[in-house]
Protein backbone atom coordinates (compact mmCIF):
# COMPACT_ATOMS: atom_id res chain seq x y z
CA MET A 1 10.62 -63.82 -52.31
CA LYS A 2 9.94 -64.37 -48.63
CA LYS A 3 13.37 -62.94 -47.84
CA LEU A 4 12.64 -59.87 -50.01
CA ILE A 5 9.34 -59.26 -48.24
CA THR A 6 11.06 -59.58 -44.88
CA THR A 7 13.74 -57.11 -45.95
CA VAL A 8 11.19 -54.58 -47.24
CA ALA A 9 9.19 -54.91 -44.04
CA ALA A 10 12.33 -54.36 -41.99
CA LEU A 11 13.20 -51.28 -44.02
CA ALA A 12 9.67 -49.90 -43.60
CA THR A 13 9.84 -50.51 -39.87
CA ALA A 14 13.19 -48.74 -39.73
CA LEU A 15 11.85 -45.77 -41.69
CA VAL A 16 8.83 -45.46 -39.40
CA ALA A 17 11.08 -45.73 -36.36
CA GLY A 18 13.43 -43.16 -37.84
CA SER A 19 10.59 -40.76 -38.58
CA ALA A 20 9.23 -41.20 -35.06
CA ALA A 21 12.68 -40.56 -33.60
CA MET A 22 13.03 -37.40 -35.67
CA ALA A 23 9.60 -36.19 -34.59
CA ALA A 24 10.37 -36.99 -30.96
CA ASP A 25 13.75 -35.28 -31.19
CA SER A 26 12.34 -31.76 -30.85
CA ILE A 27 11.50 -30.23 -27.47
CA LYS A 28 7.82 -29.36 -27.73
CA ILE A 29 6.24 -26.41 -25.96
CA GLY A 30 2.46 -26.02 -25.84
CA ASP A 31 1.42 -22.46 -26.69
CA ILE A 32 -2.22 -21.52 -26.10
CA ASN A 33 -3.59 -18.17 -27.25
CA HIS A 34 -6.51 -16.26 -28.70
CA PHE A 35 -5.22 -16.22 -32.29
CA LYS A 36 -8.62 -15.46 -33.82
CA ARG A 37 -10.28 -13.38 -31.12
CA LEU A 38 -7.28 -11.11 -30.45
CA ALA A 39 -5.33 -11.47 -33.68
CA ALA A 40 -3.86 -7.96 -33.47
CA PHE A 41 -1.84 -9.07 -30.45
CA ALA A 42 -1.64 -12.84 -30.85
CA GLU A 43 -0.25 -12.92 -34.39
CA PRO A 44 2.71 -10.60 -33.64
CA TYR A 45 3.22 -12.68 -30.47
CA ARG A 46 3.41 -15.88 -32.52
CA GLN A 47 5.82 -14.23 -34.96
CA GLY A 48 8.03 -13.14 -32.07
CA ILE A 49 8.12 -16.70 -30.76
CA GLU A 50 8.97 -18.13 -34.16
CA LEU A 51 11.75 -15.56 -34.72
CA ALA A 52 13.36 -16.51 -31.42
CA ALA A 53 12.88 -20.23 -32.07
CA LYS A 54 14.62 -19.92 -35.45
CA GLN A 55 17.55 -18.06 -33.89
CA ILE A 56 17.78 -20.67 -31.12
CA ASN A 57 17.59 -23.62 -33.53
CA ASP A 58 20.03 -22.08 -36.03
CA ALA A 59 22.49 -21.84 -33.14
CA GLY A 60 22.14 -25.54 -32.31
CA GLY A 61 18.87 -25.71 -30.43
CA VAL A 62 18.48 -26.47 -26.74
CA LEU A 63 20.47 -29.35 -25.26
CA GLY A 64 21.31 -30.21 -28.87
CA ARG A 65 17.64 -30.54 -29.84
CA PRO A 66 15.37 -28.18 -31.82
CA LEU A 67 12.83 -26.14 -29.89
CA GLU A 68 9.30 -26.49 -31.31
CA PHE A 69 6.22 -24.50 -30.34
CA ILE A 70 2.81 -26.08 -30.93
CA HIS A 71 0.34 -23.20 -31.29
CA ARG A 72 -3.31 -23.83 -30.41
CA ASP A 73 -6.27 -21.41 -30.46
CA ASP A 74 -8.59 -21.29 -27.43
CA ASP A 75 -10.90 -18.60 -28.89
CA GLY A 76 -10.48 -16.67 -25.64
CA LYS A 77 -12.51 -19.24 -23.67
CA PRO A 78 -11.15 -20.51 -20.33
CA GLY A 79 -12.83 -23.92 -20.67
CA ASP A 80 -11.39 -24.47 -24.14
CA ALA A 81 -7.95 -23.39 -22.95
CA VAL A 82 -7.94 -25.96 -20.15
CA LYS A 83 -9.02 -28.74 -22.51
CA ILE A 84 -6.30 -27.78 -25.00
CA ALA A 85 -3.70 -27.64 -22.22
CA GLU A 86 -4.43 -31.24 -21.28
CA GLU A 87 -4.23 -32.36 -24.92
CA LEU A 88 -0.91 -30.61 -25.46
CA MET A 89 0.66 -32.29 -22.44
CA THR A 90 -0.79 -35.80 -22.75
CA ARG A 91 -1.31 -36.23 -26.49
CA ASP A 92 1.13 -33.89 -28.21
CA GLY A 93 4.13 -34.43 -25.95
CA ALA A 94 4.62 -30.85 -24.75
CA VAL A 95 6.98 -30.51 -21.79
CA MET A 96 5.38 -27.28 -20.51
CA LEU A 97 2.76 -24.67 -21.37
CA THR A 98 2.90 -21.00 -22.25
CA GLY A 99 0.77 -18.24 -23.78
CA SER A 100 -2.54 -16.44 -23.19
CA ILE A 101 -3.45 -12.74 -23.23
CA LEU A 102 -6.76 -12.45 -21.37
CA SER A 103 -6.28 -12.72 -17.62
CA ASN A 104 -9.34 -14.88 -17.01
CA VAL A 105 -7.95 -17.46 -19.44
CA GLY A 106 -4.48 -17.25 -17.92
CA LEU A 107 -5.92 -17.79 -14.43
CA ALA A 108 -7.81 -20.87 -15.65
CA ILE A 109 -4.67 -22.39 -17.21
CA SER A 110 -2.68 -21.54 -14.07
CA SER A 111 -5.18 -23.27 -11.79
CA PHE A 112 -5.22 -26.31 -14.04
CA ALA A 113 -1.41 -26.39 -14.24
CA GLY A 114 -1.20 -26.25 -10.45
CA GLN A 115 -3.60 -29.16 -10.08
CA LYS A 116 -1.88 -31.32 -12.69
CA GLY A 117 1.73 -30.39 -11.96
CA TYR A 118 2.39 -28.81 -15.38
CA ILE A 119 4.71 -25.83 -15.69
CA TYR A 120 2.98 -22.77 -17.15
CA LEU A 121 4.80 -19.60 -18.19
CA ALA A 122 2.10 -16.95 -18.54
CA ALA A 123 3.40 -14.72 -21.30
CA GLU A 124 0.93 -11.83 -21.30
CA PRO A 125 -1.84 -12.07 -18.66
CA LEU A 126 -1.45 -9.09 -16.33
CA ALA A 127 -3.84 -9.84 -13.44
CA ASP A 128 -1.97 -9.64 -10.13
CA ASP A 129 -3.64 -12.78 -8.78
CA LEU A 130 -1.77 -14.89 -11.31
CA VAL A 131 1.41 -14.88 -9.22
CA TRP A 132 0.14 -13.36 -5.95
CA GLY A 133 -3.33 -14.17 -4.60
CA SER A 134 -3.79 -17.29 -6.73
CA GLY A 135 -0.12 -18.09 -7.32
CA ASN A 136 1.05 -21.69 -7.32
CA LYS A 137 4.27 -23.70 -7.54
CA TYR A 138 3.95 -24.32 -11.27
CA THR A 139 2.98 -20.88 -12.62
CA PHE A 140 5.42 -18.15 -13.68
CA ARG A 141 4.82 -14.81 -15.40
CA LEU A 142 6.87 -12.77 -17.88
CA ARG A 143 5.23 -9.33 -18.20
CA ALA A 144 5.19 -6.60 -15.58
CA SER A 145 1.96 -6.97 -13.62
CA THR A 146 -1.09 -4.76 -13.62
CA TYR A 147 -0.13 -3.47 -10.17
CA VAL A 148 3.35 -2.40 -11.29
CA GLN A 149 2.24 -0.62 -14.46
CA ALA A 150 -0.65 1.10 -12.67
CA ALA A 151 1.78 2.26 -9.96
CA MET A 152 4.00 3.82 -12.63
CA LEU A 153 1.04 5.85 -13.90
CA ALA A 154 -0.07 6.77 -10.38
CA GLU A 155 3.39 8.15 -9.64
CA GLU A 156 3.03 10.60 -12.52
CA ALA A 157 -0.58 11.46 -11.61
CA ALA A 158 0.46 12.36 -8.08
CA LYS A 159 2.71 15.12 -9.44
CA THR A 160 -0.28 17.10 -10.77
CA ASP A 161 -2.88 19.23 -9.00
CA ALA A 162 -5.74 16.93 -10.05
CA VAL A 163 -7.87 15.86 -7.11
CA THR A 164 -10.95 14.16 -8.60
CA TYR A 165 -10.64 11.16 -10.91
CA ALA A 166 -12.85 9.07 -13.15
CA THR A 167 -11.91 5.53 -14.14
CA ILE A 168 -13.01 3.38 -17.06
CA ALA A 169 -12.00 -0.27 -17.39
CA PRO A 170 -13.33 -3.53 -18.86
CA ASN A 171 -15.44 -5.47 -16.39
CA TYR A 172 -13.29 -8.56 -15.79
CA ALA A 173 -10.28 -9.61 -13.69
CA TYR A 174 -7.67 -7.46 -15.43
CA GLY A 175 -9.76 -4.28 -15.49
CA LYS A 176 -10.78 -4.59 -11.84
CA ALA A 177 -7.21 -5.21 -10.71
CA ALA A 178 -5.96 -2.28 -12.79
CA VAL A 179 -8.38 0.18 -11.17
CA GLU A 180 -7.78 -1.14 -7.66
CA ALA A 181 -3.99 -0.85 -8.10
CA PHE A 182 -4.15 2.70 -9.47
CA LYS A 183 -6.43 3.85 -6.64
CA LYS A 184 -4.29 2.23 -3.96
CA ASN A 185 -1.03 3.68 -5.25
CA LEU A 186 -2.37 7.15 -6.00
CA LYS A 187 -4.07 7.47 -2.58
CA ALA A 188 -0.82 6.41 -0.89
CA LEU A 189 1.02 9.19 -2.72
CA LYS A 190 -1.75 11.78 -2.54
CA PRO A 191 -4.32 11.01 0.18
CA ASP A 192 -6.72 13.83 -0.75
CA VAL A 193 -7.65 12.41 -4.18
CA LYS A 194 -11.23 11.29 -4.77
CA PHE A 195 -12.68 8.92 -7.34
CA VAL A 196 -15.97 10.42 -8.43
CA THR A 197 -17.10 7.78 -10.93
CA GLU A 198 -16.10 4.30 -12.11
CA GLN A 199 -17.28 2.98 -15.46
CA TRP A 200 -17.23 -0.78 -16.18
CA PRO A 201 -18.11 -1.58 -19.82
CA ALA A 202 -18.24 -5.24 -20.85
CA LEU A 203 -15.08 -6.27 -22.69
CA PHE A 204 -15.33 -5.34 -26.40
CA LYS A 205 -18.97 -4.27 -25.94
CA ILE A 206 -18.47 -0.68 -24.86
CA ASP A 207 -21.27 1.87 -25.34
CA ALA A 208 -18.78 4.70 -25.77
CA GLY A 209 -21.37 7.47 -25.95
CA ALA A 210 -22.96 6.47 -22.65
CA GLU A 211 -19.58 6.02 -20.95
CA VAL A 212 -18.30 9.41 -22.10
CA GLN A 213 -21.53 11.09 -21.01
CA ALA A 214 -21.31 9.50 -17.54
CA ILE A 215 -17.70 10.57 -17.06
CA GLU A 216 -18.38 14.12 -18.25
CA ALA A 217 -21.32 14.40 -15.85
CA ALA A 218 -18.99 13.62 -12.92
CA LYS A 219 -16.70 16.55 -13.90
CA PRO A 220 -13.40 14.86 -12.93
CA ASP A 221 -10.07 16.66 -13.01
CA ALA A 222 -8.42 13.61 -14.58
CA ILE A 223 -9.25 10.23 -16.14
CA TYR A 224 -7.67 6.80 -15.73
CA ASN A 225 -8.33 4.62 -18.79
CA VAL A 226 -7.85 0.85 -18.97
CA THR A 227 -9.79 0.11 -22.17
CA PHE A 228 -7.89 -1.40 -25.09
CA GLY A 229 -8.46 -2.73 -28.59
CA THR A 230 -11.71 -1.74 -30.27
CA ASP A 231 -13.05 -0.44 -26.95
CA LEU A 232 -10.20 2.06 -26.79
CA GLN A 233 -10.80 3.18 -30.36
CA LYS A 234 -14.47 3.87 -29.67
CA PHE A 235 -13.76 5.61 -26.37
CA VAL A 236 -11.09 7.88 -27.88
CA ARG A 237 -13.23 8.85 -30.86
CA GLU A 238 -16.37 9.52 -28.83
CA GLY A 239 -14.44 11.33 -26.10
CA THR A 240 -12.63 13.51 -28.62
CA THR A 241 -15.86 14.38 -30.43
CA ARG A 242 -17.53 15.41 -27.16
CA GLY A 243 -14.50 17.27 -25.79
CA LEU A 244 -14.11 14.93 -22.81
CA PHE A 245 -10.32 15.11 -22.78
CA GLU A 246 -9.96 18.86 -23.16
CA GLY A 247 -8.28 20.41 -20.13
CA ARG A 248 -7.99 17.04 -18.38
CA LYS A 249 -5.04 14.79 -17.64
CA VAL A 250 -5.55 11.26 -18.93
CA TYR A 251 -3.57 8.19 -17.86
CA GLY A 252 -3.79 5.13 -20.08
CA LEU A 253 -2.71 1.63 -19.13
CA LEU A 254 -1.44 -0.12 -22.32
CA THR A 255 -2.63 2.78 -24.51
CA GLY A 256 0.88 3.33 -25.89
CA GLU A 257 1.21 -0.23 -27.17
CA PRO A 258 1.40 -0.28 -30.99
CA GLU A 259 -1.39 -2.86 -31.23
CA TYR A 260 -3.80 -0.32 -29.77
CA LEU A 261 -2.28 3.08 -30.61
CA GLU A 262 -1.42 2.56 -34.27
CA PRO A 263 -4.97 1.69 -35.45
CA LEU A 264 -6.09 5.14 -34.27
CA GLY A 265 -3.83 6.86 -36.82
CA ALA A 266 -4.22 10.63 -36.76
CA GLU A 267 -7.10 10.26 -34.28
CA ALA A 268 -4.69 9.06 -31.58
CA PRO A 269 -4.98 11.10 -28.38
CA GLU A 270 -2.26 13.59 -27.57
CA GLY A 271 -0.79 14.29 -24.16
CA TRP A 272 -1.94 11.10 -22.41
CA TYR A 273 0.60 9.55 -20.04
CA VAL A 274 0.73 5.85 -20.92
CA THR A 275 2.55 2.55 -20.80
CA GLY A 276 3.54 1.18 -24.20
CA TYR A 277 6.34 0.18 -26.56
CA PRO A 278 8.17 2.90 -28.59
CA TRP A 279 9.98 0.51 -30.94
CA TYR A 280 10.50 3.28 -33.53
CA ALA A 281 12.65 5.32 -31.14
CA PHE A 282 15.40 2.78 -30.38
CA THR A 283 18.77 3.65 -31.90
CA ASP A 284 21.18 1.01 -30.61
CA GLY A 285 21.73 -1.96 -28.32
CA PRO A 286 19.62 -5.15 -27.96
CA ALA A 287 16.34 -3.21 -28.29
CA LYS A 288 17.31 -1.91 -31.73
CA GLN A 289 18.76 -5.27 -32.79
CA PHE A 290 15.45 -6.96 -32.06
CA VAL A 291 13.57 -4.39 -34.16
CA ASP A 292 16.00 -4.91 -37.06
CA ASP A 293 15.79 -8.70 -36.82
CA TYR A 294 12.00 -8.63 -36.68
CA GLU A 295 11.62 -6.35 -39.69
CA ALA A 296 14.10 -8.50 -41.65
CA ALA A 297 12.18 -11.68 -40.78
CA TYR A 298 8.77 -10.15 -41.59
CA PRO A 299 9.22 -7.63 -44.43
CA GLY A 300 6.69 -4.83 -44.43
CA GLU A 301 5.77 -5.39 -40.77
CA THR A 302 6.86 -3.55 -37.65
CA PRO A 303 7.15 -5.05 -34.16
CA LYS A 304 4.39 -4.80 -31.60
CA ILE A 305 4.55 -5.35 -27.85
CA GLY A 306 3.17 -8.82 -28.62
CA SER A 307 6.18 -9.46 -30.86
CA LEU A 308 8.52 -8.58 -28.01
CA VAL A 309 6.60 -10.67 -25.47
CA GLY A 310 6.61 -13.69 -27.79
CA TYR A 311 10.33 -13.33 -28.45
CA MET A 312 11.15 -13.01 -24.74
CA THR A 313 8.90 -15.98 -23.95
CA ALA A 314 10.84 -18.28 -26.28
CA LYS A 315 14.18 -16.96 -25.02
CA SER A 316 13.05 -17.55 -21.42
CA ILE A 317 12.05 -21.14 -22.15
CA ALA A 318 15.34 -21.86 -23.92
CA ALA A 319 17.29 -20.41 -20.99
CA LEU A 320 15.18 -22.42 -18.54
CA ILE A 321 15.72 -25.80 -20.20
CA THR A 322 19.41 -25.08 -20.74
CA LYS A 323 19.87 -24.28 -17.04
CA ALA A 324 17.83 -27.35 -16.03
CA GLY A 325 19.84 -29.60 -18.34
CA SER A 326 16.64 -31.56 -18.83
CA THR A 327 12.94 -31.28 -19.65
CA ASP A 328 12.01 -33.02 -16.40
CA THR A 329 9.42 -30.94 -14.55
CA ASP A 330 11.21 -31.01 -11.20
CA ALA A 331 14.49 -30.02 -12.82
CA MET A 332 12.83 -27.11 -14.61
CA LEU A 333 11.10 -25.95 -11.43
CA GLU A 334 14.47 -25.83 -9.70
CA ALA A 335 16.03 -24.02 -12.68
CA PHE A 336 13.29 -21.36 -12.64
CA LYS A 337 14.58 -20.13 -9.27
CA ASP A 338 16.16 -16.74 -10.00
CA LEU A 339 16.54 -17.71 -13.67
CA LYS A 340 18.35 -14.99 -15.62
CA VAL A 341 17.55 -14.32 -19.28
CA ALA A 342 19.18 -11.95 -21.77
CA THR A 343 16.46 -10.05 -23.65
CA PRO A 344 16.01 -6.95 -25.88
CA MET A 345 15.05 -5.09 -22.68
CA GLY A 346 18.22 -6.16 -20.91
CA GLU A 347 18.69 -9.03 -18.49
CA ILE A 348 15.62 -10.12 -16.54
CA THR A 349 15.29 -12.48 -13.58
CA TYR A 350 12.42 -14.75 -12.57
CA ARG A 351 12.09 -14.09 -8.85
CA SER A 352 11.96 -17.09 -6.53
CA LEU A 353 9.71 -15.08 -4.22
CA ASP A 354 6.67 -14.96 -6.49
CA HIS A 355 7.68 -16.39 -9.90
CA GLN A 356 7.36 -12.91 -11.43
CA SER A 357 9.98 -11.74 -13.92
CA THR A 358 11.72 -8.40 -13.55
CA MET A 359 10.65 -7.24 -17.01
CA GLY A 360 9.85 -3.53 -16.69
CA ALA A 361 7.74 -1.20 -18.82
CA TYR A 362 8.09 1.82 -21.07
CA VAL A 363 6.16 4.92 -20.05
CA GLY A 364 5.74 8.20 -21.90
CA THR A 365 3.32 10.65 -23.47
CA THR A 366 1.20 10.15 -26.57
CA ALA A 367 1.58 12.39 -29.62
CA VAL A 368 0.72 12.34 -33.32
CA LYS A 369 3.60 12.43 -35.81
CA ASP A 370 3.19 12.04 -39.57
CA GLY A 371 -0.42 11.03 -39.05
CA LYS A 372 0.45 8.26 -36.56
CA GLY A 373 0.14 7.86 -32.82
CA VAL A 374 3.49 7.54 -31.05
CA MET A 375 5.04 7.76 -27.60
CA VAL A 376 7.36 10.68 -26.87
CA ASP A 377 9.40 11.70 -23.82
CA TRP A 378 9.45 8.02 -22.89
CA SER A 379 11.63 6.12 -20.44
CA TYR A 380 12.09 2.53 -19.35
CA LYS A 381 11.18 1.85 -15.73
CA ASP A 382 12.46 -1.03 -13.64
CA PRO A 383 9.57 -2.70 -11.78
CA ALA A 384 11.30 -3.12 -8.40
CA PRO A 385 10.39 0.29 -6.89
CA TYR A 386 6.73 -0.21 -7.80
CA MET A 387 6.17 -3.68 -6.33
CA PRO A 388 4.63 -4.39 -2.93
CA SER A 389 7.16 -5.33 -0.27
CA ASP A 390 8.43 -8.91 -0.07
CA ASP A 391 6.51 -9.39 3.17
CA GLU A 392 3.28 -8.15 1.57
CA ILE A 393 3.76 -10.55 -1.33
CA ARG A 394 4.42 -13.48 1.00
CA GLU A 395 1.22 -12.65 2.85
CA MET A 396 -0.79 -12.53 -0.41
CA ARG A 397 0.68 -15.64 -1.98
CA PRO A 398 -0.68 -19.07 -0.93
CA ALA A 399 1.80 -21.60 0.42
CA ASP A 400 2.92 -23.95 -2.36
């Protein structure tokens, strides 16, 4: 009997050890995002990550191990995000961090990662400070920055005869950086332009009627819009009702992204020059393959820019760990230097200079087709011509 008990105990111990080994076998990545507060972006983002992870794992994983993303919700609060980041690294066994949409949250995670020595790949935050003014050794960024996308819009604005401009942007890090970048780039291209009014509604608390009235009172030739989500919907509807956009050029940062354009339906603005993601217009190549794979994985759904960002995030992490040959932080930091990644947008590189990827952006004009807002006359722009010089970036970026 004693021998039987000993045998059973040994088997139980072996099973527990085996289960622990299996659980420890995956490479865990801590993903922090605003899944409740910004579900329209964060859920497609998570689906993009999981699609890429499945493809990676079906092909044998990374270094022979499955890649696993642990998704945690920070409710869009910087303090909560930092607390979750620590838990993911010390309790859940994550080897690095990724995620975030709101720039203030991304900046908080970045600062924390720099202090603790955790690698953080900022998937979506667009504030320039993330990799320039507040950049650190451990933070990297996937998406084209606010500065780059604003410069693309400013280039188009400079071609017109508009001289006076109004701006409207959410009153936090991203919105302020977006306005500053547009003004700097447009004035460099067309020194005689003037900005006659700047509107700064609180994020997701816009008083659209008051904002539209203030812009109309300034009588600008053109408008630069940085609002998104429900703020964009309210601004477009109120502005259309009051005739704000009639006879004026409008430039919209992110306005062409499906997350924000599609909810407007037939009310979508027409003729705005915007950055976005025209997934419905791809006919071949990696861009079309991603759309097909996404729609097959999630029947009845269409990809969003968040889907693409999530997918490219997972692919970047897999490429990083493969190049490093390890999940050791120092090895991954070394591997991040000029890391090249094959993506639906073509090959991108994470620049050693500032840890910014060379992911570009789609730009085009808004239109309504079949009762839906779309981008037409679009093109894909490489970010290189729109970035500050290397010397300017070195001057902005703190020494590691």
